[in-house]
Amino acid sequence: MAVCLLPGTELAFDREVECDRLIGFLGTPKIGRNLARFRKINLDRMHEHHDALEFPSGEVVLLTNLSPGQHATVLQLPVSSESKEPASEERVAPTVERMALR
Protein backbone atom coordinates (compact mmCIF):
# COMPACT_ATOMS: atom_id res chain seq x y z
CA MET A 1 0.00 0.00 0.00
CA ALA A 2 1.32 3.45 -0.87
CA VAL A 3 0.79 6.32 1.53
CA CYS A 4 1.76 9.96 1.04
CA LEU A 5 3.07 11.83 4.08
CA LEU A 6 4.22 15.40 4.49
CA PRO A 7 7.72 15.91 5.91
CA GLY A 8 7.40 16.48 9.64
CA THR A 9 4.47 14.09 10.14
CA GLU A 10 4.78 12.33 13.50
CA LEU A 11 4.05 8.59 13.61
CA ALA A 12 3.52 6.01 16.35
CA PHE A 13 4.14 2.37 15.46
CA ASP A 14 2.28 -0.47 17.19
CA ARG A 15 5.63 -1.99 18.30
CA GLU A 16 9.35 -1.26 18.08
CA VAL A 17 10.34 -0.44 14.51
CA GLU A 18 12.20 -3.26 12.74
CA CYS A 19 14.56 -2.93 9.79
CA ASP A 20 15.78 -5.32 7.11
CA ARG A 21 19.52 -4.77 7.30
CA LEU A 22 22.06 -7.15 5.94
CA ILE A 23 24.07 -8.07 9.04
CA GLY A 24 24.62 -11.73 8.51
CA PHE A 25 22.63 -14.09 10.72
CA LEU A 26 21.75 -11.63 13.48
CA GLY A 27 18.07 -11.53 12.57
CA THR A 28 15.94 -8.44 12.07
CA PRO A 29 17.36 -5.52 14.04
CA LYS A 30 15.00 -3.40 16.09
CA ILE A 31 15.43 0.35 16.37
CA GLY A 32 14.25 0.27 19.99
CA ARG A 33 11.70 3.03 19.40
CA ASN A 34 8.11 3.19 18.21
CA LEU A 35 7.84 6.97 17.60
CA ALA A 36 9.28 8.67 14.52
CA ARG A 37 8.99 11.72 12.30
CA PHE A 38 8.77 11.41 8.51
CA ARG A 39 11.60 13.19 6.65
CA LYS A 40 12.89 13.68 3.10
CA ILE A 41 16.66 13.20 2.87
CA ASN A 42 19.37 13.30 0.19
CA LEU A 43 17.23 15.40 -2.16
CA ASP A 44 20.37 16.32 -4.13
CA ARG A 45 20.87 12.64 -5.06
CA MET A 46 18.40 12.03 -7.88
CA HIS A 47 18.74 8.23 -8.08
CA GLU A 48 18.38 7.43 -4.39
CA HIS A 49 15.37 6.97 -2.12
CA HIS A 50 14.40 10.06 -0.15
CA ASP A 51 11.66 8.93 2.24
CA ALA A 52 12.96 8.28 5.75
CA LEU A 53 12.02 8.17 9.42
CA GLU A 54 13.90 10.16 12.04
CA PHE A 55 13.76 8.82 15.58
CA PRO A 56 14.09 10.88 18.78
CA SER A 57 17.64 9.52 19.15
CA GLY A 58 18.55 11.24 15.86
CA GLU A 59 18.86 7.95 13.95
CA VAL A 60 17.50 8.18 10.39
CA VAL A 61 16.26 5.08 8.53
CA LEU A 62 15.06 4.93 4.93
CA LEU A 63 11.52 3.59 4.54
CA THR A 64 12.84 1.05 2.03
CA ASN A 65 14.87 -0.51 4.89
CA LEU A 66 11.83 -1.16 7.10
CA SER A 67 10.62 -4.72 7.56
CA PRO A 68 7.20 -5.41 5.99
CA GLY A 69 4.04 -5.84 8.07
CA GLN A 70 4.50 -2.93 10.46
CA HIS A 71 1.63 -0.59 11.30
CA ALA A 72 1.74 3.08 12.26
CA THR A 73 -0.74 5.73 13.34
CA VAL A 74 -0.38 9.40 12.41
CA LEU A 75 -0.09 11.38 15.66
CA GLN A 76 0.37 14.86 14.25
CA LEU A 77 0.56 16.51 10.86
CA PRO A 78 3.10 19.28 10.27
CA VAL A 79 2.02 22.91 10.36
CA SER A 80 1.18 24.10 6.86
CA SER A 81 3.28 26.90 5.39
CA GLU A 82 0.02 28.26 3.97
CA SER A 83 -1.40 28.96 7.43
CA LYS A 84 -2.12 32.53 8.43
CA GLU A 85 1.02 34.51 9.33
CA PRO A 86 0.94 36.35 12.69
CA ALA A 87 1.41 40.13 12.70
CA SER A 88 5.08 41.18 12.53
CA GLU A 89 5.20 42.12 16.22
CA GLU A 90 3.77 38.67 17.11
CA ARG A 91 6.32 36.66 15.10
CA VAL A 92 8.35 34.18 17.07
CA ALA A 93 11.50 32.32 16.07
CA PRO A 94 10.65 28.82 14.79
CA THR A 95 11.38 25.95 17.14
CA VAL A 96 12.04 22.28 16.56
CA GLU A 97 9.85 20.02 18.64
CA ARG A 98 11.32 16.73 19.80
CA MET A 99 9.26 13.75 20.83
CA ALA A 100 10.16 12.53 24.31
CA LEU A 101 10.05 8.80 25.02
CA ARG A 102 9.45 7.65 28.57
C-alpha atoms as a PDB file:
ATOM      1  CA  MET A   1       0.000   0.000   0.000  1.00  0.00           C
ATOM      2  CA  ALA A   2       1.316   3.450  -0.875  1.00  0.00           C
ATOM      3  CA  VAL A   3       0.787   6.321   1.534  1.00  0.00           C
ATOM      4  CA  CYS A   4       1.757   9.964   1.042  1.00  0.00           C
ATOM      5  CA  LEU A   5       3.069  11.831   4.081  1.00  0.00           C
ATOM      6  CA  LEU A   6       4.217  15.396   4.487  1.00  0.00           C
ATOM      7  CA  PRO A   7       7.719  15.909   5.908  1.00  0.00           C
ATOM      8  CA  GLY A   8       7.404  16.475   9.641  1.00  0.00           C
ATOM      9  CA  THR A   9       4.473  14.090  10.136  1.00  0.00           C
ATOM     10  CA  GLU A  10       4.779  12.328  13.497  1.00  0.00           C
ATOM     11  CA  LEU A  11       4.051   8.591  13.605  1.00  0.00           C
ATOM     12  CA  ALA A  12       3.516   6.015  16.351  1.00  0.00           C
ATOM     13  CA  PHE A  13       4.142   2.367  15.464  1.00  0.00           C
ATOM     14  CA  ASP A  14       2.283  -0.469  17.193  1.00  0.00           C
ATOM     15  CA  ARG A  15       5.627  -1.988  18.303  1.00  0.00           C
ATOM     16  CA  GLU A  16       9.354  -1.260  18.081  1.00  0.00           C
ATOM     17  CA  VAL A  17      10.335  -0.439  14.506  1.00  0.00           C
ATOM     18  CA  GLU A  18      12.199  -3.265  12.740  1.00  0.00           C
ATOM     19  CA  CYS A  19      14.559  -2.935   9.788  1.00  0.00           C
ATOM     20  CA  ASP A  20      15.782  -5.323   7.111  1.00  0.00           C
ATOM     21  CA  ARG A  21      19.522  -4.768   7.301  1.00  0.00           C
ATOM     22  CA  LEU A  22      22.059  -7.148   5.940  1.00  0.00           C
ATOM     23  CA  ILE A  23      24.068  -8.071   9.040  1.00  0.00           C
ATOM     24  CA  GLY A  24      24.619 -11.731   8.515  1.00  0.00           C
ATOM     25  CA  PHE A  25      22.626 -14.091  10.723  1.00  0.00           C
ATOM     26  CA  LEU A  26      21.752 -11.628  13.476  1.00  0.00           C
ATOM     27  CA  GLY A  27      18.065 -11.526  12.571  1.00  0.00           C
ATOM     28  CA  THR A  28      15.945  -8.443  12.070  1.00  0.00           C
ATOM     29  CA  PRO A  29      17.357  -5.520  14.037  1.00  0.00           C
ATOM     30  CA  LYS A  30      14.996  -3.403  16.094  1.00  0.00           C
ATOM     31  CA  ILE A  31      15.430   0.346  16.368  1.00  0.00           C
ATOM     32  CA  GLY A  32      14.246   0.266  19.989  1.00  0.00           C
ATOM     33  CA  ARG A  33      11.702   3.035  19.404  1.00  0.00           C
ATOM     34  CA  ASN A  34       8.113   3.185  18.207  1.00  0.00           C
ATOM     35  CA  LEU A  35       7.840   6.972  17.604  1.00  0.00           C
ATOM     36  CA  ALA A  36       9.280   8.675  14.522  1.00  0.00           C
ATOM     37  CA  ARG A  37       8.993  11.715  12.304  1.00  0.00           C
ATOM     38  CA  PHE A  38       8.772  11.407   8.513  1.00  0.00           C
ATOM     39  CA  ARG A  39      11.602  13.191   6.648  1.00  0.00           C
ATOM     40  CA  LYS A  40      12.892  13.680   3.100  1.00  0.00           C
ATOM     41  CA  ILE A  41      16.658  13.197   2.869  1.00  0.00           C
ATOM     42  CA  ASN A  42      19.367  13.300   0.185  1.00  0.00           C
ATOM     43  CA  LEU A  43      17.231  15.399  -2.160  1.00  0.00           C
ATOM     44  CA  ASP A  44      20.369  16.315  -4.129  1.00  0.00           C
ATOM     45  CA  ARG A  45      20.870  12.636  -5.064  1.00  0.00           C
ATOM     46  CA  MET A  46      18.399  12.033  -7.879  1.00  0.00           C
ATOM     47  CA  HIS A  47      18.737   8.225  -8.083  1.00  0.00           C
ATOM     48  CA  GLU A  48      18.376   7.425  -4.385  1.00  0.00           C
ATOM     49  CA  HIS A  49      15.367   6.969  -2.123  1.00  0.00           C
ATOM     50  CA  HIS A  50      14.401  10.063  -0.151  1.00  0.00           C
ATOM     51  CA  ASP A  51      11.658   8.930   2.244  1.00  0.00           C
ATOM     52  CA  ALA A  52      12.955   8.275   5.750  1.00  0.00           C
ATOM     53  CA  LEU A  53      12.024   8.169   9.419  1.00  0.00           C
ATOM     54  CA  GLU A  54      13.897  10.163  12.036  1.00  0.00           C
ATOM     55  CA  PHE A  55      13.762   8.816  15.584  1.00  0.00           C
ATOM     56  CA  PRO A  56      14.089  10.876  18.783  1.00  0.00           C
ATOM     57  CA  SER A  57      17.637   9.524  19.154  1.00  0.00           C
ATOM     58  CA  GLY A  58      18.546  11.238  15.863  1.00  0.00           C
ATOM     59  CA  GLU A  59      18.859   7.953  13.949  1.00  0.00           C
ATOM     60  CA  VAL A  60      17.502   8.181  10.389  1.00  0.00           C
ATOM     61  CA  VAL A  61      16.262   5.083   8.533  1.00  0.00           C
ATOM     62  CA  LEU A  62      15.059   4.933   4.933  1.00  0.00           C
ATOM     63  CA  LEU A  63      11.522   3.589   4.537  1.00  0.00           C
ATOM     64  CA  THR A  64      12.844   1.052   2.031  1.00  0.00           C
ATOM     65  CA  ASN A  65      14.874  -0.513   4.895  1.00  0.00           C
ATOM     66  CA  LEU A  66      11.830  -1.155   7.100  1.00  0.00           C
ATOM     67  CA  SER A  67      10.622  -4.723   7.556  1.00  0.00           C
ATOM     68  CA  PRO A  68       7.196  -5.406   5.990  1.00  0.00           C
ATOM     69  CA  GLY A  69       4.044  -5.839   8.073  1.00  0.00           C
ATOM     70  CA  GLN A  70       4.498  -2.927  10.464  1.00  0.00           C
ATOM     71  CA  HIS A  71       1.625  -0.592  11.301  1.00  0.00           C
ATOM     72  CA  ALA A  72       1.740   3.076  12.260  1.00  0.00           C
ATOM     73  CA  THR A  73      -0.738   5.727  13.337  1.00  0.00           C
ATOM     74  CA  VAL A  74      -0.384   9.401  12.415  1.00  0.00           C
ATOM     75  CA  LEU A  75      -0.090  11.376  15.656  1.00  0.00           C
ATOM     76  CA  GLN A  76       0.368  14.856  14.254  1.00  0.00           C
ATOM     77  CA  LEU A  77       0.565  16.509  10.864  1.00  0.00           C
ATOM     78  CA  PRO A  78       3.101  19.282  10.267  1.00  0.00           C
ATOM     79  CA  VAL A  79       2.016  22.906  10.359  1.00  0.00           C
ATOM     80  CA  SER A  80       1.178  24.099   6.855  1.00  0.00           C
ATOM     81  CA  SER A  81       3.279  26.905   5.390  1.00  0.00           C
ATOM     82  CA  GLU A  82       0.018  28.259   3.971  1.00  0.00           C
ATOM     83  CA  SER A  83      -1.398  28.958   7.430  1.00  0.00           C
ATOM     84  CA  LYS A  84      -2.117  32.527   8.433  1.00  0.00           C
ATOM     85  CA  GLU A  85       1.025  34.509   9.333  1.00  0.00           C
ATOM     86  CA  PRO A  86       0.943  36.350  12.689  1.00  0.00           C
ATOM     87  CA  ALA A  87       1.411  40.126  12.696  1.00  0.00           C
ATOM     88  CA  SER A  88       5.077  41.179  12.530  1.00  0.00           C
ATOM     89  CA  GLU A  89       5.198  42.117  16.220  1.00  0.00           C
ATOM     90  CA  GLU A  90       3.774  38.674  17.108  1.00  0.00           C
ATOM     91  CA  ARG A  91       6.318  36.659  15.104  1.00  0.00           C
ATOM     92  CA  VAL A  92       8.351  34.185  17.067  1.00  0.00           C
ATOM     93  CA  ALA A  93      11.497  32.321  16.072  1.00  0.00           C
ATOM     94  CA  PRO A  94      10.649  28.822  14.788  1.00  0.00           C
ATOM     95  CA  THR A  95      11.381  25.951  17.137  1.00  0.00           C
ATOM     96  CA  VAL A  96      12.042  22.276  16.559  1.00  0.00           C
ATOM     97  CA  GLU A  97       9.854  20.021  18.641  1.00  0.00           C
ATOM     98  CA  ARG A  98      11.317  16.730  19.797  1.00  0.00           C
ATOM     99  CA  MET A  99       9.262  13.748  20.833  1.00  0.00           C
ATOM    100  CA  ALA A 100      10.161  12.529  24.307  1.00  0.00           C
ATOM    101  CA  LEU A 101      10.055   8.799  25.018  1.00  0.00           C
ATOM    102  CA  ARG A 102       9.448   7.650  28.573  1.00  0.00           C
END
